[in-house]
Amino acid sequence: MTDVPVEKSNASPDAKGPESRSPGQLAWLRFKRDRVGVASAVIVIFFFVISLAAPLISSLYGKDPYTTYGLNTPGLLGDNGFPAKPNGGIDGEFWFGIDPQLGRDVFTFLLYAIRNSLLISVAITVLTMVAGVIIGISAGYIGGKTDWLLGRVIDILLAFPQQLFFVAFTPVVLALFVADNENTPTWLVVVCLILLLTIFGWASIARLLRGQVLALREREFVEAAKVTGASPARIIFKELLPNLWTPILIQGTLLLPAMVTTEAGLAYLGVGIQDPTPDWGIMIGYAAQFYQDDFTFLLFPGVTMVLFVLAFNLLGDSVRDALDPKTKR
């Protein structure tokens, strides 16, 4: 008997075909092939890293965002209150220059502004998504009077002109806790912003998930779970929620940049974070008073904010395409 030669396979034992990969692995492979998505993710991660490391960077840099260097050090500000050196006072000591009138270091102020804006926006996004997921799934699965009542609440919230309402209502809420002749604590402003933006932000996510659940609750796997005696909580967490992760993740990636611009807009209008607490909106609002004399004051906060929001929006599009290739552009 002659031996039949065995052909060796070039494939590694760890190699997997498309049919043997999980949906998560397939989505990750699709995302890695999207260069725009990967570049956007790198930019977003960079912003979060520098925001978390702001105290360390400030310590190594040797300056902080609160000291008025221009008032304390003669020669940094001219007689008109503007930096004596060109381009906003940029030099080896002040990398991004100093701001007019007060002479604070723009670099460290920007680091802490990014830190504060992102922390507030992330908190709002997480709470909004949690509330939207819980209410949307509950309305869609329970149905009946519960669905009708929650649906009317959602309709009312979506009917509000939210931006105008935030501008008008935020001072009213703060006035309930602080007298007119007292300074409003920063922590109270932050808590008020988070609560208001969460209360009026969950409705659209809840409506989307309610529609998804209405379609899923009639599927065979849900009916089979009911026949086996599974509790409503088990059906929601084990059967429905795993099929909703795609819209939840997509909505989360699109909501965060919206919250960043909303929070910055409120600070710019004077109803959010107040100076001297660093914030993106405060920097843009302060620079808007002086940009005609020197555009440098508006350049750094404006460019960084546009870059972050654009990168996160592109990341959201890439995540959507990776999770649901049928919608690929």
C-alpha atoms as a PDB file:
ATOM      1  CA  MET A   1       0.000   0.000   0.000  1.00  0.00           C
ATOM      2  CA  THR A   2       1.370   3.367  -1.009  1.00  0.00           C
ATOM      3  CA  ASP A   3       1.156   6.347   1.296  1.00  0.00           C
ATOM      4  CA  VAL A   4      -1.033   9.132   0.057  1.00  0.00           C
ATOM      5  CA  PRO A   5       0.684  12.501   0.598  1.00  0.00           C
ATOM      6  CA  VAL A   6      -1.208  14.761   2.898  1.00  0.00           C
ATOM      7  CA  GLU A   7      -1.448  18.331   1.736  1.00  0.00           C
ATOM      8  CA  LYS A   8      -0.586  20.786   4.467  1.00  0.00           C
ATOM      9  CA  SER A   9      -2.891  23.696   5.003  1.00  0.00           C
ATOM     10  CA  ASN A  10      -1.391  27.169   5.094  1.00  0.00           C
ATOM     11  CA  ALA A  11      -4.150  28.391   7.384  1.00  0.00           C
ATOM     12  CA  SER A  12      -3.207  28.793  11.014  1.00  0.00           C
ATOM     13  CA  PRO A  13      -5.161  26.756  13.553  1.00  0.00           C
ATOM     14  CA  ASP A  14      -6.456  29.991  15.092  1.00  0.00           C
ATOM     15  CA  ALA A  15      -7.821  31.299  11.801  1.00  0.00           C
ATOM     16  CA  LYS A  16     -11.573  31.532  11.681  1.00  0.00           C
ATOM     17  CA  GLY A  17     -13.912  31.794   8.761  1.00  0.00           C
ATOM     18  CA  PRO A  18     -16.686  34.358   8.715  1.00  0.00           C
ATOM     19  CA  GLU A  19     -19.193  31.687   9.646  1.00  0.00           C
ATOM     20  CA  SER A  20     -17.336  30.872  12.908  1.00  0.00           C
ATOM     21  CA  ARG A  21     -17.060  34.443  14.203  1.00  0.00           C
ATOM     22  CA  SER A  22     -19.504  36.089  16.549  1.00  0.00           C
ATOM     23  CA  PRO A  23     -21.427  39.210  15.452  1.00  0.00           C
ATOM     24  CA  GLY A  24     -19.204  41.281  17.740  1.00  0.00           C
ATOM     25  CA  GLN A  25     -16.038  39.951  16.103  1.00  0.00           C
ATOM     26  CA  LEU A  26     -17.427  40.612  12.633  1.00  0.00           C
ATOM     27  CA  ALA A  27     -18.369  44.171  13.638  1.00  0.00           C
ATOM     28  CA  TRP A  28     -14.843  44.734  15.022  1.00  0.00           C
ATOM     29  CA  LEU A  29     -13.286  43.500  11.770  1.00  0.00           C
ATOM     30  CA  ARG A  30     -15.509  45.807   9.728  1.00  0.00           C
ATOM     31  CA  PHE A  31     -14.655  48.723  12.014  1.00  0.00           C
ATOM     32  CA  LYS A  32     -10.879  48.103  11.756  1.00  0.00           C
ATOM     33  CA  ARG A  33     -11.133  48.310   7.976  1.00  0.00           C
ATOM     34  CA  ASP A  34     -12.750  51.749   8.203  1.00  0.00           C
ATOM     35  CA  ARG A  35      -9.818  54.182   8.223  1.00  0.00           C
ATOM     36  CA  VAL A  36     -11.993  57.187   8.990  1.00  0.00           C
ATOM     37  CA  GLY A  37     -13.531  55.371  11.945  1.00  0.00           C
ATOM     38  CA  VAL A  38     -10.152  54.307  13.339  1.00  0.00           C
ATOM     39  CA  ALA A  39      -8.704  57.814  12.946  1.00  0.00           C
ATOM     40  CA  SER A  40     -11.783  59.286  14.646  1.00  0.00           C
ATOM     41  CA  ALA A  41     -11.470  56.800  17.514  1.00  0.00           C
ATOM     42  CA  VAL A  42      -7.814  57.781  18.008  1.00  0.00           C
ATOM     43  CA  ILE A  43      -8.759  61.475  18.157  1.00  0.00           C
ATOM     44  CA  VAL A  44     -11.609  60.821  20.620  1.00  0.00           C
ATOM     45  CA  ILE A  45      -9.383  58.680  22.856  1.00  0.00           C
ATOM     46  CA  PHE A  46      -6.715  61.394  22.764  1.00  0.00           C
ATOM     47  CA  PHE A  47      -9.214  63.991  24.008  1.00  0.00           C
ATOM     48  CA  PHE A  48     -10.361  61.759  26.854  1.00  0.00           C
ATOM     49  CA  VAL A  49      -6.765  60.944  27.845  1.00  0.00           C
ATOM     50  CA  ILE A  50      -5.653  64.578  28.012  1.00  0.00           C
ATOM     51  CA  SER A  51      -8.829  65.526  29.889  1.00  0.00           C
ATOM     52  CA  LEU A  52      -8.214  62.876  32.539  1.00  0.00           C
ATOM     53  CA  ALA A  53      -4.520  63.775  32.694  1.00  0.00           C
ATOM     54  CA  ALA A  54      -5.146  67.540  32.878  1.00  0.00           C
ATOM     55  CA  PRO A  55      -3.917  67.904  36.506  1.00  0.00           C
ATOM     56  CA  LEU A  56      -0.747  65.943  35.724  1.00  0.00           C
ATOM     57  CA  ILE A  57      -0.053  67.890  32.524  1.00  0.00           C
ATOM     58  CA  SER A  58      -0.687  71.163  34.341  1.00  0.00           C
ATOM     59  CA  SER A  59       1.724  70.158  37.104  1.00  0.00           C
ATOM     60  CA  LEU A  60       4.472  69.221  34.635  1.00  0.00           C
ATOM     61  CA  TYR A  61       3.816  72.403  32.647  1.00  0.00           C
ATOM     62  CA  GLY A  62       4.135  74.473  35.812  1.00  0.00           C
ATOM     63  CA  LYS A  63       0.987  76.566  35.473  1.00  0.00           C
ATOM     64  CA  ASP A  64      -2.688  76.418  36.351  1.00  0.00           C
ATOM     65  CA  PRO A  65      -5.865  77.831  34.771  1.00  0.00           C
ATOM     66  CA  TYR A  66      -6.778  80.156  37.650  1.00  0.00           C
ATOM     67  CA  THR A  67      -3.673  82.285  38.243  1.00  0.00           C
ATOM     68  CA  THR A  68      -3.797  85.713  36.565  1.00  0.00           C
ATOM     69  CA  TYR A  69      -0.238  85.746  35.274  1.00  0.00           C
ATOM     70  CA  GLY A  70      -0.792  88.909  33.239  1.00  0.00           C
ATOM     71  CA  LEU A  71      -1.797  90.888  36.330  1.00  0.00           C
ATOM     72  CA  ASN A  72       0.874  89.390  38.546  1.00  0.00           C
ATOM     73  CA  THR A  73       3.826  89.692  36.164  1.00  0.00           C
ATOM     74  CA  PRO A  74       4.622  93.135  34.697  1.00  0.00           C
ATOM     75  CA  GLY A  75       5.188  93.238  30.961  1.00  0.00           C
ATOM     76  CA  LEU A  76       2.876  90.366  29.948  1.00  0.00           C
ATOM     77  CA  LEU A  77      -0.107  92.640  29.274  1.00  0.00           C
ATOM     78  CA  GLY A  78       0.021  95.984  27.514  1.00  0.00           C
ATOM     79  CA  ASP A  79      -1.708  99.160  28.587  1.00  0.00           C
ATOM     80  CA  ASN A  80      -4.813  98.161  26.600  1.00  0.00           C
ATOM     81  CA  GLY A  81      -5.113  94.868  28.511  1.00  0.00           C
ATOM     82  CA  PHE A  82      -4.016  92.710  25.560  1.00  0.00           C
ATOM     83  CA  PRO A  83      -0.905  90.497  25.571  1.00  0.00           C
ATOM     84  CA  ALA A  84       2.206  92.513  24.868  1.00  0.00           C
ATOM     85  CA  LYS A  85       3.588  89.831  22.540  1.00  0.00           C
ATOM     86  CA  PRO A  86       1.913  89.047  19.190  1.00  0.00           C
ATOM     87  CA  ASN A  87      -0.418  86.096  18.519  1.00  0.00           C
ATOM     88  CA  GLY A  88      -2.068  86.222  21.914  1.00  0.00           C
ATOM     89  CA  GLY A  89       1.231  86.167  23.796  1.00  0.00           C
ATOM     90  CA  ILE A  90       2.366  82.761  22.510  1.00  0.00           C
ATOM     91  CA  ASP A  91       5.951  81.986  23.454  1.00  0.00           C
ATOM     92  CA  GLY A  92       8.056  79.282  25.103  1.00  0.00           C
ATOM     93  CA  GLU A  93       6.568  80.048  28.514  1.00  0.00           C
ATOM     94  CA  PHE A  94       2.911  80.276  27.480  1.00  0.00           C
ATOM     95  CA  TRP A  95       2.375  77.704  24.726  1.00  0.00           C
ATOM     96  CA  PHE A  96      -1.105  78.904  23.730  1.00  0.00           C
ATOM     97  CA  GLY A  97      -0.656  82.465  24.979  1.00  0.00           C
ATOM     98  CA  ILE A  98      -2.582  84.296  27.682  1.00  0.00           C
ATOM     99  CA  ASP A  99      -6.098  85.703  27.641  1.00  0.00           C
ATOM    100  CA  PRO A 100      -6.786  89.475  27.568  1.00  0.00           C
ATOM    101  CA  GLN A 101      -7.474  91.566  30.666  1.00  0.00           C
ATOM    102  CA  LEU A 102      -6.613  88.802  33.171  1.00  0.00           C
ATOM    103  CA  GLY A 103      -3.635  87.077  31.550  1.00  0.00           C
ATOM    104  CA  ARG A 104      -4.548  83.496  32.455  1.00  0.00           C
ATOM    105  CA  ASP A 105      -2.669  80.684  30.753  1.00  0.00           C
ATOM    106  CA  VAL A 106      -4.766  79.549  27.771  1.00  0.00           C
ATOM    107  CA  PHE A 107      -3.164  76.095  27.516  1.00  0.00           C
ATOM    108  CA  THR A 108      -4.058  74.906  31.023  1.00  0.00           C
ATOM    109  CA  PHE A 109      -7.424  76.674  30.888  1.00  0.00           C
ATOM    110  CA  LEU A 110      -8.202  74.729  27.705  1.00  0.00           C
ATOM    111  CA  LEU A 111      -7.108  71.414  29.270  1.00  0.00           C
ATOM    112  CA  TYR A 112      -9.435  71.903  32.221  1.00  0.00           C
ATOM    113  CA  ALA A 113     -12.194  73.199  29.946  1.00  0.00           C
ATOM    114  CA  ILE A 114     -12.048  69.975  27.929  1.00  0.00           C
ATOM    115  CA  ARG A 115     -11.991  67.967  31.164  1.00  0.00           C
ATOM    116  CA  ASN A 116     -15.038  69.687  32.671  1.00  0.00           C
ATOM    117  CA  SER A 117     -17.073  69.722  29.464  1.00  0.00           C
ATOM    118  CA  LEU A 118     -16.443  66.039  28.749  1.00  0.00           C
ATOM    119  CA  LEU A 119     -17.134  64.904  32.321  1.00  0.00           C
ATOM    120  CA  ILE A 120     -20.454  66.753  32.392  1.00  0.00           C
ATOM    121  CA  SER A 121     -21.419  65.554  28.901  1.00  0.00           C
ATOM    122  CA  VAL A 122     -20.520  61.928  29.671  1.00  0.00           C
ATOM    123  CA  ALA A 123     -22.591  62.022  32.875  1.00  0.00           C
ATOM    124  CA  ILE A 124     -25.572  63.447  30.973  1.00  0.00           C
ATOM    125  CA  THR A 125     -25.188  60.889  28.186  1.00  0.00           C
ATOM    126  CA  VAL A 126     -24.981  57.902  30.545  1.00  0.00           C
ATOM    127  CA  LEU A 127     -27.994  58.977  32.623  1.00  0.00           C
ATOM    128  CA  THR A 128     -29.998  59.860  29.513  1.00  0.00           C
ATOM    129  CA  MET A 129     -29.269  56.500  27.882  1.00  0.00           C
ATOM    130  CA  VAL A 130     -30.117  54.565  31.064  1.00  0.00           C
ATOM    131  CA  ALA A 131     -33.424  56.408  31.471  1.00  0.00           C
ATOM    132  CA  GLY A 132     -34.281  56.080  27.776  1.00  0.00           C
ATOM    133  CA  VAL A 133     -33.480  52.362  27.698  1.00  0.00           C
ATOM    134  CA  ILE A 134     -35.483  51.555  30.839  1.00  0.00           C
ATOM    135  CA  ILE A 135     -38.535  53.613  29.872  1.00  0.00           C
ATOM    136  CA  GLY A 136     -38.490  52.623  26.197  1.00  0.00           C
ATOM    137  CA  ILE A 137     -38.220  48.895  26.854  1.00  0.00           C
ATOM    138  CA  SER A 138     -40.828  49.050  29.621  1.00  0.00           C
ATOM    139  CA  ALA A 139     -43.306  50.916  27.432  1.00  0.00           C
ATOM    140  CA  GLY A 140     -42.827  48.577  24.492  1.00  0.00           C
ATOM    141  CA  TYR A 141     -42.936  45.303  26.443  1.00  0.00           C
ATOM    142  CA  ILE A 142     -45.676  46.054  28.990  1.00  0.00           C
ATOM    143  CA  GLY A 143     -47.937  47.863  26.531  1.00  0.00           C
ATOM    144  CA  GLY A 144     -51.489  48.825  27.406  1.00  0.00           C
ATOM    145  CA  LYS A 145     -52.107  51.815  29.655  1.00  0.00           C
ATOM    146  CA  THR A 146     -48.446  51.975  30.631  1.00  0.00           C
ATOM    147  CA  ASP A 147     -47.424  52.350  26.995  1.00  0.00           C
ATOM    148  CA  TRP A 148     -50.119  54.975  26.406  1.00  0.00           C
ATOM    149  CA  LEU A 149     -49.111  57.031  29.462  1.00  0.00           C
ATOM    150  CA  LEU A 150     -45.375  56.911  28.731  1.00  0.00           C
ATOM    151  CA  GLY A 151     -46.101  57.697  25.095  1.00  0.00           C
ATOM    152  CA  ARG A 152     -47.931  60.889  26.068  1.00  0.00           C
ATOM    153  CA  VAL A 153     -45.070  61.913  28.359  1.00  0.00           C
ATOM    154  CA  ILE A 154     -42.631  61.365  25.488  1.00  0.00           C
ATOM    155  CA  ASP A 155     -44.805  63.437  23.135  1.00  0.00           C
ATOM    156  CA  ILE A 156     -44.919  66.308  25.638  1.00  0.00           C
ATOM    157  CA  LEU A 157     -41.151  66.298  26.183  1.00  0.00           C
ATOM    158  CA  LEU A 158     -40.431  66.182  22.466  1.00  0.00           C
ATOM    159  CA  ALA A 159     -42.778  69.123  21.911  1.00  0.00           C
ATOM    160  CA  PHE A 160     -40.672  71.419  24.130  1.00  0.00           C
ATOM    161  CA  PRO A 161     -38.252  73.824  22.394  1.00  0.00           C
ATOM    162  CA  GLN A 162     -35.428  72.408  24.487  1.00  0.00           C
ATOM    163  CA  GLN A 163     -32.673  74.961  23.922  1.00  0.00           C
ATOM    164  CA  LEU A 164     -34.987  77.870  24.686  1.00  0.00           C
ATOM    165  CA  PHE A 165     -36.398  76.012  27.670  1.00  0.00           C
ATOM    166  CA  PHE A 166     -32.920  75.360  29.118  1.00  0.00           C
ATOM    167  CA  VAL A 167     -31.973  79.026  28.799  1.00  0.00           C
ATOM    168  CA  ALA A 168     -35.169  80.190  30.467  1.00  0.00           C
ATOM    169  CA  PHE A 169     -35.618  77.480  33.089  1.00  0.00           C
ATOM    170  CA  THR A 170     -32.083  76.907  34.385  1.00  0.00           C
ATOM    171  CA  PRO A 171     -31.903  80.226  36.303  1.00  0.00           C
ATOM    172  CA  VAL A 172     -35.364  79.511  37.748  1.00  0.00           C
ATOM    173  CA  VAL A 173     -34.237  76.146  39.106  1.00  0.00           C
ATOM    174  CA  LEU A 174     -31.045  77.617  40.557  1.00  0.00           C
ATOM    175  CA  ALA A 175     -33.009  80.423  42.215  1.00  0.00           C
ATOM    176  CA  LEU A 176     -34.930  77.800  44.205  1.00  0.00           C
ATOM    177  CA  PHE A 177     -31.729  76.869  46.057  1.00  0.00           C
ATOM    178  CA  VAL A 178     -29.657  80.074  46.065  1.00  0.00           C
ATOM    179  CA  ALA A 179     -30.696  83.574  47.107  1.00  0.00           C
ATOM    180  CA  ASP A 180     -30.222  86.464  44.688  1.00  0.00           C
ATOM    181  CA  ASN A 181     -27.421  87.997  46.763  1.00  0.00           C
ATOM    182  CA  GLU A 182     -25.430  84.748  47.014  1.00  0.00           C
ATOM    183  CA  ASN A 183     -22.980  83.183  44.598  1.00  0.00           C
ATOM    184  CA  THR A 184     -24.216  79.967  43.024  1.00  0.00           C
ATOM    185  CA  PRO A 185     -21.891  77.037  43.846  1.00  0.00           C
ATOM    186  CA  THR A 186     -20.367  75.390  40.795  1.00  0.00           C
ATOM    187  CA  TRP A 187     -21.436  71.925  41.956  1.00  0.00           C
ATOM    188  CA  LEU A 188     -25.071  73.070  42.077  1.00  0.00           C
ATOM    189  CA  VAL A 189     -24.870  74.400  38.528  1.00  0.00           C
ATOM    190  CA  VAL A 190     -23.370  71.093  37.360  1.00  0.00           C
ATOM    191  CA  VAL A 191     -26.054  69.022  39.111  1.00  0.00           C
ATOM    192  CA  CYS A 192     -28.780  71.267  37.696  1.00  0.00           C
ATOM    193  CA  LEU A 193     -27.403  70.948  34.160  1.00  0.00           C
ATOM    194  CA  ILE A 194     -27.128  67.175  34.390  1.00  0.00           C
ATOM    195  CA  LEU A 195     -30.653  66.756  35.757  1.00  0.00           C
ATOM    196  CA  LEU A 196     -32.328  69.135  33.298  1.00  0.00           C
ATOM    197  CA  LEU A 197     -30.560  67.766  30.223  1.00  0.00           C
ATOM    198  CA  THR A 198     -31.288  64.200  31.343  1.00  0.00           C
ATOM    199  CA  ILE A 199     -34.970  64.849  32.055  1.00  0.00           C
ATOM    200  CA  PHE A 200     -35.517  66.405  28.638  1.00  0.00           C
ATOM    201  CA  GLY A 201     -33.096  64.192  26.699  1.00  0.00           C
ATOM    202  CA  TRP A 202     -34.304  60.617  27.161  1.00  0.00           C
ATOM    203  CA  ALA A 203     -37.554  60.886  25.208  1.00  0.00           C
ATOM    204  CA  SER A 204     -36.174  60.353  21.688  1.00  0.00           C
ATOM    205  CA  ILE A 205     -34.142  57.289  22.741  1.00  0.00           C
ATOM    206  CA  ALA A 206     -37.146  55.831  24.578  1.00  0.00           C
ATOM    207  CA  ARG A 207     -39.380  56.274  21.521  1.00  0.00           C
ATOM    208  CA  LEU A 208     -36.837  54.549  19.272  1.00  0.00           C
ATOM    209  CA  LEU A 209     -36.400  51.576  21.609  1.00  0.00           C
ATOM    210  CA  ARG A 210     -40.150  51.301  22.212  1.00  0.00           C
ATOM    211  CA  GLY A 211     -40.647  50.746  18.477  1.00  0.00           C
ATOM    212  CA  GLN A 212     -37.867  48.144  18.416  1.00  0.00           C
ATOM    213  CA  VAL A 213     -39.386  46.265  21.363  1.00  0.00           C
ATOM    214  CA  LEU A 214     -42.872  46.298  19.817  1.00  0.00           C
ATOM    215  CA  ALA A 215     -41.408  44.444  16.837  1.00  0.00           C
ATOM    216  CA  LEU A 216     -39.328  42.024  18.936  1.00  0.00           C
ATOM    217  CA  ARG A 217     -41.921  41.022  21.535  1.00  0.00           C
ATOM    218  CA  GLU A 218     -43.959  39.125  18.929  1.00  0.00           C
ATOM    219  CA  ARG A 219     -40.980  37.094  17.730  1.00  0.00           C
ATOM    220  CA  GLU A 220     -40.779  33.352  18.260  1.00  0.00           C
ATOM    221  CA  PHE A 221     -37.908  33.402  20.779  1.00  0.00           C
ATOM    222  CA  VAL A 222     -39.869  35.762  23.061  1.00  0.00           C
ATOM    223  CA  GLU A 223     -42.993  33.621  22.814  1.00  0.00           C
ATOM    224  CA  ALA A 224     -40.907  30.537  23.567  1.00  0.00           C
ATOM    225  CA  ALA A 225     -39.484  32.204  26.667  1.00  0.00           C
ATOM    226  CA  LYS A 226     -42.999  33.022  27.856  1.00  0.00           C
ATOM    227  CA  VAL A 227     -44.116  29.417  27.335  1.00  0.00           C
ATOM    228  CA  THR A 228     -41.235  28.156  29.469  1.00  0.00           C
ATOM    229  CA  GLY A 229     -42.397  30.415  32.315  1.00  0.00           C
ATOM    230  CA  ALA A 230     -39.638  33.032  32.122  1.00  0.00           C
ATOM    231  CA  SER A 231     -40.282  36.133  34.192  1.00  0.00           C
ATOM    232  CA  PRO A 232     -40.704  39.545  32.486  1.00  0.00           C
ATOM    233  CA  ALA A 233     -37.325  40.662  33.880  1.00  0.00           C
ATOM    234  CA  ARG A 234     -35.599  37.605  32.396  1.00  0.00           C
ATOM    235  CA  ILE A 235     -37.285  38.152  29.023  1.00  0.00           C
ATOM    236  CA  ILE A 236     -36.225  41.811  28.986  1.00  0.00           C
ATOM    237  CA  PHE A 237     -32.601  41.231  30.038  1.00  0.00           C
ATOM    238  CA  LYS A 238     -31.946  37.875  28.365  1.00  0.00           C
ATOM    239  CA  GLU A 239     -34.078  38.032  25.233  1.00  0.00           C
ATOM    240  CA  LEU A 240     -34.839  41.638  24.319  1.00  0.00           C
ATOM    241  CA  LEU A 241     -31.844  43.659  25.538  1.00  0.00           C
ATOM    242  CA  PRO A 242     -29.168  41.628  23.629  1.00  0.00           C
ATOM    243  CA  ASN A 243     -31.058  42.448  20.420  1.00  0.00           C
ATOM    244  CA  LEU A 244     -31.096  46.162  21.217  1.00  0.00           C
ATOM    245  CA  TRP A 245     -27.394  46.798  21.775  1.00  0.00           C
ATOM    246  CA  THR A 246     -26.876  48.043  18.218  1.00  0.00           C
ATOM    247  CA  PRO A 247     -29.359  50.979  18.385  1.00  0.00           C
ATOM    248  CA  ILE A 248     -28.310  51.697  21.983  1.00  0.00           C
ATOM    249  CA  LEU A 249     -24.618  52.017  21.067  1.00  0.00           C
ATOM    250  CA  ILE A 250     -25.381  54.048  17.970  1.00  0.00           C
ATOM    251  CA  GLN A 251     -27.607  56.463  19.879  1.00  0.00           C
ATOM    252  CA  GLY A 252     -24.983  56.802  22.608  1.00  0.00           C
ATOM    253  CA  THR A 253     -22.230  57.714  20.149  1.00  0.00           C
ATOM    254  CA  LEU A 254     -24.469  60.314  18.511  1.00  0.00           C
ATOM    255  CA  LEU A 255     -25.784  61.741  21.791  1.00  0.00           C
ATOM    256  CA  LEU A 256     -22.445  62.576  23.430  1.00  0.00           C
ATOM    257  CA  PRO A 257     -21.269  65.205  20.893  1.00  0.00           C
ATOM    258  CA  ALA A 258     -24.760  66.733  20.984  1.00  0.00           C
ATOM    259  CA  MET A 259     -24.486  67.069  24.754  1.00  0.00           C
ATOM    260  CA  VAL A 260     -21.011  68.633  24.421  1.00  0.00           C
ATOM    261  CA  THR A 261     -22.317  71.365  22.133  1.00  0.00           C
ATOM    262  CA  THR A 262     -25.460  71.873  24.253  1.00  0.00           C
ATOM    263  CA  GLU A 263     -23.494  72.215  27.491  1.00  0.00           C
ATOM    264  CA  ALA A 264     -20.997  74.586  25.857  1.00  0.00           C
ATOM    265  CA  GLY A 265     -23.839  76.601  24.364  1.00  0.00           C
ATOM    266  CA  LEU A 266     -25.471  77.069  27.759  1.00  0.00           C
ATOM    267  CA  ALA A 267     -22.142  78.190  29.254  1.00  0.00           C
ATOM    268  CA  TYR A 268     -21.681  80.611  26.340  1.00  0.00           C
ATOM    269  CA  LEU A 269     -25.142  82.089  26.996  1.00  0.00           C
ATOM    270  CA  GLY A 270     -24.365  82.497  30.699  1.00  0.00           C
ATOM    271  CA  VAL A 271     -26.794  79.927  32.124  1.00  0.00           C
ATOM    272  CA  GLY A 272     -24.346  77.055  32.519  1.00  0.00           C
ATOM    273  CA  ILE A 273     -20.871  76.878  34.026  1.00  0.00           C
ATOM    274  CA  GLN A 274     -19.652  80.317  35.044  1.00  0.00           C
ATOM    275  CA  ASP A 275     -16.219  81.936  34.823  1.00  0.00           C
ATOM    276  CA  PRO A 276     -13.629  81.327  36.351  1.00  0.00           C
ATOM    277  CA  THR A 277     -14.475  77.592  36.130  1.00  0.00           C
ATOM    278  CA  PRO A 278     -12.898  76.368  32.864  1.00  0.00           C
ATOM    279  CA  ASP A 279     -15.346  75.309  30.173  1.00  0.00           C
ATOM    280  CA  TRP A 280     -15.376  75.183  26.387  1.00  0.00           C
ATOM    281  CA  GLY A 281     -18.369  77.515  26.182  1.00  0.00           C
ATOM    282  CA  ILE A 282     -16.801  80.021  28.574  1.00  0.00           C
ATOM    283  CA  MET A 283     -13.598  80.123  26.519  1.00  0.00           C
ATOM    284  CA  ILE A 284     -15.496  80.690  23.283  1.00  0.00           C
ATOM    285  CA  GLY A 285     -17.726  83.316  24.874  1.00  0.00           C
ATOM    286  CA  TYR A 286     -14.759  85.152  26.394  1.00  0.00           C
ATOM    287  CA  ALA A 287     -12.755  84.968  23.158  1.00  0.00           C
ATOM    288  CA  ALA A 288     -15.726  86.228  21.133  1.00  0.00           C
ATOM    289  CA  GLN A 289     -15.299  89.620  22.821  1.00  0.00           C
ATOM    290  CA  PHE A 290     -11.718  90.017  21.590  1.00  0.00           C
ATOM    291  CA  TYR A 291     -11.324  87.902  18.428  1.00  0.00           C
ATOM    292  CA  GLN A 292     -11.521  90.971  16.169  1.00  0.00           C
ATOM    293  CA  ASP A 293      -8.328  92.270  17.770  1.00  0.00           C
ATOM    294  CA  ASP A 294      -6.570  88.883  17.807  1.00  0.00           C
ATOM    295  CA  PHE A 295      -8.121  85.725  16.321  1.00  0.00           C
ATOM    296  CA  THR A 296      -5.756  83.559  18.402  1.00  0.00           C
ATOM    297  CA  PHE A 297      -8.041  83.826  21.432  1.00  0.00           C
ATOM    298  CA  LEU A 298     -10.834  82.037  19.545  1.00  0.00           C
ATOM    299  CA  LEU A 299      -8.624  79.664  17.574  1.00  0.00           C
ATOM    300  CA  PHE A 300      -7.710  77.069  20.204  1.00  0.00           C
ATOM    301  CA  PRO A 301     -11.091  76.498  21.893  1.00  0.00           C
ATOM    302  CA  GLY A 302     -12.926  76.700  18.568  1.00  0.00           C
ATOM    303  CA  VAL A 303     -10.685  74.270  16.691  1.00  0.00           C
ATOM    304  CA  THR A 304     -10.513  71.729  19.515  1.00  0.00           C
ATOM    305  CA  MET A 305     -14.271  71.687  20.002  1.00  0.00           C
ATOM    306  CA  VAL A 306     -15.010  71.346  16.288  1.00  0.00           C
ATOM    307  CA  LEU A 307     -12.380  68.610  16.001  1.00  0.00           C
ATOM    308  CA  PHE A 308     -13.816  66.604  18.902  1.00  0.00           C
ATOM    309  CA  VAL A 309     -17.453  66.898  17.805  1.00  0.00           C
ATOM    310  CA  LEU A 310     -16.594  66.064  14.186  1.00  0.00           C
ATOM    311  CA  ALA A 311     -14.452  63.071  15.213  1.00  0.00           C
ATOM    312  CA  PHE A 312     -17.144  61.705  17.530  1.00  0.00           C
ATOM    313  CA  ASN A 313     -19.855  62.106  14.878  1.00  0.00           C
ATOM    314  CA  LEU A 314     -17.692  60.270  12.341  1.00  0.00           C
ATOM    315  CA  LEU A 315     -17.006  57.606  14.965  1.00  0.00           C
ATOM    316  CA  GLY A 316     -20.747  57.220  15.489  1.00  0.00           C
ATOM    317  CA  ASP A 317     -21.254  56.738  11.743  1.00  0.00           C
ATOM    318  CA  SER A 318     -18.471  54.142  11.632  1.00  0.00           C
ATOM    319  CA  VAL A 319     -19.902  52.260  14.616  1.00  0.00           C
ATOM    320  CA  ARG A 320     -23.304  52.221  12.946  1.00  0.00           C
ATOM    321  CA  ASP A 321     -21.831  50.876   9.702  1.00  0.00           C
ATOM    322  CA  ALA A 322     -19.860  48.213  11.563  1.00  0.00           C
ATOM    323  CA  LEU A 323     -22.799  47.005  13.621  1.00  0.00           C
ATOM    324  CA  ASP A 324     -25.309  47.160  10.792  1.00  0.00           C
ATOM    325  CA  PRO A 325     -23.553  46.694   7.432  1.00  0.00           C
ATOM    326  CA  LYS A 326     -26.882  47.000   5.575  1.00  0.00           C
ATOM    327  CA  THR A 327     -26.807  50.750   6.269  1.00  0.00           C
ATOM    328  CA  LYS A 328     -23.228  51.186   5.039  1.00  0.00           C
ATOM    329  CA  ARG A 329     -22.787  54.400   3.068  1.00  0.00           C
END
